[in-house]
Amino acid sequence: MLVVGLVHGSGWEPPEDAPAPRPSRPRRVPWRPLAWLAAWCWLLALVPVADSALGALAGYAVILLAVALGFWRVERWCAGQYWQGLREYQS
């Protein structure tokens, strides 16, 4: 068979005893980052409750705690990254 004038069919067929392809792995859900995000959201949702129950200073403290938790998790994530790149190969 002639395809676009470039390739001629040679009659090649795949072998009969070829193994069946393995099924793809299911996707893994990143539960740990999702749990941290849920804890951070719950902490932010707790701010109005703490504000009305304990006063404005307690609400402010909860906001500071939520922001500190968020920055701490981002800092821990950034600490695990490889930031050198190709700079170590410069001469």
N, C-alpha and C. Protein backbone atom coordinates (compact mmCIF):
# COMPACT_ATOMS: atom_id res chain seq x y z
N MET A 1 0.84 -1.16 0.00
CA MET A 1 0.00 0.00 0.00
C MET A 1 0.90 1.24 0.00
N LEU A 2 0.54 2.21 -0.77
CA LEU A 2 1.31 3.44 -0.89
C LEU A 2 0.64 4.52 -0.05
N VAL A 3 1.41 5.11 0.89
CA VAL A 3 0.87 6.16 1.76
C VAL A 3 1.62 7.44 1.47
N VAL A 4 0.95 8.44 0.97
CA VAL A 4 1.48 9.77 0.66
C VAL A 4 2.70 9.67 -0.24
N GLY A 5 2.89 8.59 -0.92
CA GLY A 5 3.98 8.46 -1.85
C GLY A 5 5.33 8.26 -1.22
N LEU A 6 5.44 8.12 0.10
CA LEU A 6 6.73 8.00 0.75
C LEU A 6 6.96 6.63 1.38
N VAL A 7 5.93 6.02 1.88
CA VAL A 7 6.08 4.78 2.64
C VAL A 7 5.32 3.67 1.92
N HIS A 8 5.99 2.58 1.71
CA HIS A 8 5.36 1.41 1.12
C HIS A 8 5.14 0.39 2.22
N GLY A 9 3.99 -0.24 2.22
CA GLY A 9 3.71 -1.27 3.20
C GLY A 9 4.57 -2.49 2.94
N SER A 10 5.22 -3.02 3.97
CA SER A 10 6.11 -4.16 3.79
C SER A 10 5.46 -5.46 4.23
N GLY A 11 4.26 -5.40 4.74
CA GLY A 11 3.60 -6.61 5.20
C GLY A 11 4.01 -7.02 6.60
N TRP A 12 4.75 -6.18 7.33
CA TRP A 12 5.19 -6.52 8.68
C TRP A 12 4.02 -6.50 9.63
N GLU A 13 3.94 -7.48 10.47
CA GLU A 13 2.92 -7.57 11.51
C GLU A 13 3.62 -7.77 12.85
N PRO A 14 3.06 -7.29 13.94
CA PRO A 14 3.68 -7.51 15.24
C PRO A 14 3.63 -8.99 15.59
N PRO A 15 4.59 -9.47 16.39
CA PRO A 15 4.60 -10.88 16.75
C PRO A 15 3.35 -11.27 17.54
N GLU A 16 2.96 -12.52 17.38
CA GLU A 16 1.75 -13.00 18.03
C GLU A 16 1.91 -13.12 19.55
N ASP A 17 3.13 -13.41 20.00
CA ASP A 17 3.33 -13.65 21.43
C ASP A 17 3.75 -12.37 22.18
N ALA A 18 3.47 -11.22 21.63
CA ALA A 18 3.82 -9.96 22.30
C ALA A 18 2.97 -9.81 23.57
N PRO A 19 3.60 -9.42 24.68
CA PRO A 19 2.83 -9.28 25.92
C PRO A 19 1.86 -8.10 25.82
N ALA A 20 0.76 -8.25 26.50
CA ALA A 20 -0.24 -7.18 26.52
C ALA A 20 0.31 -6.00 27.32
N PRO A 21 0.00 -4.80 26.94
CA PRO A 21 0.50 -3.65 27.70
C PRO A 21 -0.08 -3.64 29.11
N ARG A 22 0.77 -3.21 30.05
CA ARG A 22 0.31 -3.16 31.44
C ARG A 22 -0.66 -2.00 31.61
N PRO A 23 -1.64 -2.17 32.48
CA PRO A 23 -2.56 -1.06 32.70
C PRO A 23 -1.83 0.10 33.40
N SER A 24 -2.25 1.30 33.09
CA SER A 24 -1.59 2.46 33.68
C SER A 24 -1.90 2.54 35.17
N ARG A 25 -0.93 3.12 35.91
CA ARG A 25 -1.13 3.27 37.35
C ARG A 25 -2.16 4.35 37.62
N PRO A 26 -2.95 4.15 38.64
CA PRO A 26 -3.89 5.23 38.99
C PRO A 26 -3.13 6.42 39.57
N ARG A 27 -3.66 7.58 39.42
CA ARG A 27 -3.01 8.79 39.92
C ARG A 27 -3.06 8.81 41.43
N ARG A 28 -1.94 9.26 42.01
CA ARG A 28 -1.88 9.36 43.47
C ARG A 28 -2.36 10.74 43.89
N VAL A 29 -3.16 10.78 44.93
CA VAL A 29 -3.66 12.05 45.47
C VAL A 29 -2.67 12.52 46.53
N PRO A 30 -2.18 13.76 46.44
CA PRO A 30 -1.23 14.26 47.44
C PRO A 30 -1.97 14.63 48.73
N TRP A 31 -2.17 13.66 49.61
CA TRP A 31 -2.98 13.87 50.80
C TRP A 31 -2.35 14.82 51.81
N ARG A 32 -1.04 14.76 51.97
CA ARG A 32 -0.39 15.61 52.98
C ARG A 32 -0.54 17.10 52.66
N PRO A 33 -0.24 17.56 51.43
CA PRO A 33 -0.48 18.98 51.16
C PRO A 33 -1.95 19.37 51.24
N LEU A 34 -2.83 18.47 50.86
CA LEU A 34 -4.26 18.77 50.99
C LEU A 34 -4.68 18.89 52.44
N ALA A 35 -4.10 18.07 53.32
CA ALA A 35 -4.41 18.17 54.75
C ALA A 35 -3.89 19.49 55.33
N TRP A 36 -2.69 19.92 54.92
CA TRP A 36 -2.17 21.21 55.40
C TRP A 36 -3.03 22.36 54.89
N LEU A 37 -3.47 22.28 53.65
CA LEU A 37 -4.34 23.33 53.11
C LEU A 37 -5.67 23.37 53.85
N ALA A 38 -6.22 22.19 54.17
CA ALA A 38 -7.47 22.14 54.92
C ALA A 38 -7.29 22.71 56.33
N ALA A 39 -6.16 22.39 56.97
CA ALA A 39 -5.90 22.95 58.31
C ALA A 39 -5.76 24.46 58.25
N TRP A 40 -5.10 24.97 57.21
CA TRP A 40 -4.94 26.41 57.07
C TRP A 40 -6.28 27.10 56.83
N CYS A 41 -7.13 26.48 56.00
CA CYS A 41 -8.46 27.05 55.74
C CYS A 41 -9.33 27.04 57.00
N TRP A 42 -9.25 25.95 57.77
CA TRP A 42 -10.01 25.89 59.01
C TRP A 42 -9.51 26.94 60.01
N LEU A 43 -8.22 27.16 60.03
CA LEU A 43 -7.67 28.18 60.91
C LEU A 43 -8.16 29.57 60.51
N LEU A 44 -8.23 29.84 59.22
CA LEU A 44 -8.77 31.12 58.77
C LEU A 44 -10.27 31.23 59.05
N ALA A 45 -10.98 30.12 58.96
CA ALA A 45 -12.41 30.12 59.27
C ALA A 45 -12.65 30.31 60.76
N LEU A 46 -11.67 30.00 61.58
CA LEU A 46 -11.79 30.14 63.03
C LEU A 46 -11.63 31.59 63.49
N VAL A 47 -11.10 32.44 62.64
CA VAL A 47 -10.84 33.84 63.02
C VAL A 47 -12.10 34.57 63.46
N PRO A 48 -13.21 34.55 62.71
CA PRO A 48 -14.40 35.26 63.19
C PRO A 48 -14.96 34.68 64.49
N VAL A 49 -14.83 33.38 64.66
CA VAL A 49 -15.31 32.75 65.89
C VAL A 49 -14.50 33.23 67.08
N ALA A 50 -13.18 33.22 66.94
CA ALA A 50 -12.31 33.70 68.02
C ALA A 50 -12.51 35.18 68.26
N ASP A 51 -12.77 35.93 67.21
CA ASP A 51 -12.97 37.37 67.34
C ASP A 51 -14.23 37.68 68.14
N SER A 52 -15.33 36.97 67.82
CA SER A 52 -16.58 37.26 68.53
C SER A 52 -16.59 36.66 69.93
N ALA A 53 -15.94 35.53 70.14
CA ALA A 53 -15.98 34.87 71.44
C ALA A 53 -14.95 35.43 72.42
N LEU A 54 -13.75 35.71 71.95
CA LEU A 54 -12.68 36.09 72.86
C LEU A 54 -12.18 37.52 72.66
N GLY A 55 -12.60 38.17 71.62
CA GLY A 55 -12.20 39.55 71.41
C GLY A 55 -11.31 39.71 70.19
N ALA A 56 -11.06 40.95 69.86
CA ALA A 56 -10.32 41.29 68.65
C ALA A 56 -8.87 40.82 68.73
N LEU A 57 -8.27 40.86 69.90
CA LEU A 57 -6.88 40.44 70.03
C LEU A 57 -6.73 38.95 69.74
N ALA A 58 -7.69 38.15 70.19
CA ALA A 58 -7.64 36.71 69.91
C ALA A 58 -7.82 36.44 68.42
N GLY A 59 -8.72 37.18 67.76
CA GLY A 59 -8.89 37.03 66.32
C GLY A 59 -7.63 37.40 65.56
N TYR A 60 -6.97 38.47 66.02
CA TYR A 60 -5.72 38.88 65.39
C TYR A 60 -4.64 37.83 65.60
N ALA A 61 -4.59 37.23 66.78
CA ALA A 61 -3.61 36.19 67.07
C ALA A 61 -3.84 34.96 66.18
N VAL A 62 -5.09 34.62 65.93
CA VAL A 62 -5.39 33.48 65.07
C VAL A 62 -4.99 33.79 63.63
N ILE A 63 -5.22 35.04 63.18
CA ILE A 63 -4.77 35.42 61.83
C ILE A 63 -3.26 35.32 61.74
N LEU A 64 -2.54 35.83 62.76
CA LEU A 64 -1.08 35.74 62.75
C LEU A 64 -0.62 34.28 62.74
N LEU A 65 -1.30 33.43 63.48
CA LEU A 65 -0.96 32.00 63.50
C LEU A 65 -1.19 31.37 62.12
N ALA A 66 -2.29 31.73 61.46
CA ALA A 66 -2.56 31.18 60.13
C ALA A 66 -1.52 31.64 59.11
N VAL A 67 -1.15 32.91 59.16
CA VAL A 67 -0.15 33.43 58.23
C VAL A 67 1.21 32.79 58.50
N ALA A 68 1.55 32.66 59.78
CA ALA A 68 2.83 32.03 60.13
C ALA A 68 2.86 30.57 59.67
N LEU A 69 1.76 29.85 59.84
CA LEU A 69 1.69 28.46 59.38
C LEU A 69 1.85 28.38 57.87
N GLY A 70 1.19 29.28 57.14
CA GLY A 70 1.32 29.29 55.69
C GLY A 70 2.74 29.58 55.23
N PHE A 71 3.38 30.61 55.82
CA PHE A 71 4.76 30.93 55.46
C PHE A 71 5.71 29.80 55.83
N TRP A 72 5.46 29.15 56.97
CA TRP A 72 6.33 28.05 57.40
C TRP A 72 6.26 26.89 56.42
N ARG A 73 5.03 26.55 55.95
CA ARG A 73 4.90 25.44 55.00
C ARG A 73 5.52 25.78 53.65
N VAL A 74 5.36 27.02 53.20
CA VAL A 74 5.98 27.42 51.93
C VAL A 74 7.49 27.40 52.06
N GLU A 75 8.01 27.86 53.20
CA GLU A 75 9.45 27.85 53.42
C GLU A 75 9.99 26.42 53.45
N ARG A 76 9.28 25.51 54.08
CA ARG A 76 9.71 24.10 54.12
C ARG A 76 9.67 23.48 52.73
N TRP A 77 8.67 23.85 51.92
CA TRP A 77 8.60 23.34 50.56
C TRP A 77 9.77 23.88 49.74
N CYS A 78 10.06 25.17 49.87
CA CYS A 78 11.15 25.77 49.11
C CYS A 78 12.51 25.22 49.56
N ALA A 79 12.65 24.84 50.81
CA ALA A 79 13.93 24.31 51.30
C ALA A 79 14.25 22.97 50.65
N GLY A 80 13.24 22.23 50.25
CA GLY A 80 13.47 20.93 49.63
C GLY A 80 13.76 21.00 48.14
N GLN A 81 13.63 22.16 47.54
CA GLN A 81 13.85 22.30 46.10
C GLN A 81 15.33 22.47 45.80
N TYR A 82 15.70 22.17 44.58
CA TYR A 82 17.08 22.31 44.15
C TYR A 82 17.20 23.61 43.39
N TRP A 83 17.79 24.62 44.02
CA TRP A 83 17.83 25.96 43.47
C TRP A 83 19.14 26.28 42.77
N GLN A 84 20.14 25.41 42.81
CA GLN A 84 21.43 25.71 42.21
C GLN A 84 21.39 25.67 40.69
N GLY A 85 20.61 24.76 40.13
CA GLY A 85 20.53 24.66 38.68
C GLY A 85 21.88 24.33 38.07
N LEU A 86 22.24 25.01 37.01
CA LEU A 86 23.50 24.75 36.34
C LEU A 86 24.63 25.63 36.86
N ARG A 87 24.40 26.40 37.90
CA ARG A 87 25.45 27.27 38.41
C ARG A 87 26.64 26.50 38.94
N GLU A 88 26.44 25.28 39.41
CA GLU A 88 27.57 24.50 39.92
C GLU A 88 28.49 24.00 38.81
N TYR A 89 28.01 24.05 37.56
CA TYR A 89 28.83 23.60 36.44
C TYR A 89 29.58 24.75 35.74
N GLN A 90 29.40 25.95 36.24
CA GLN A 90 30.10 27.09 35.63
C GLN A 90 31.58 27.00 35.96
N SER A 91 32.40 27.43 35.02
CA SER A 91 33.84 27.39 35.27
C SER A 91 34.40 28.77 35.46
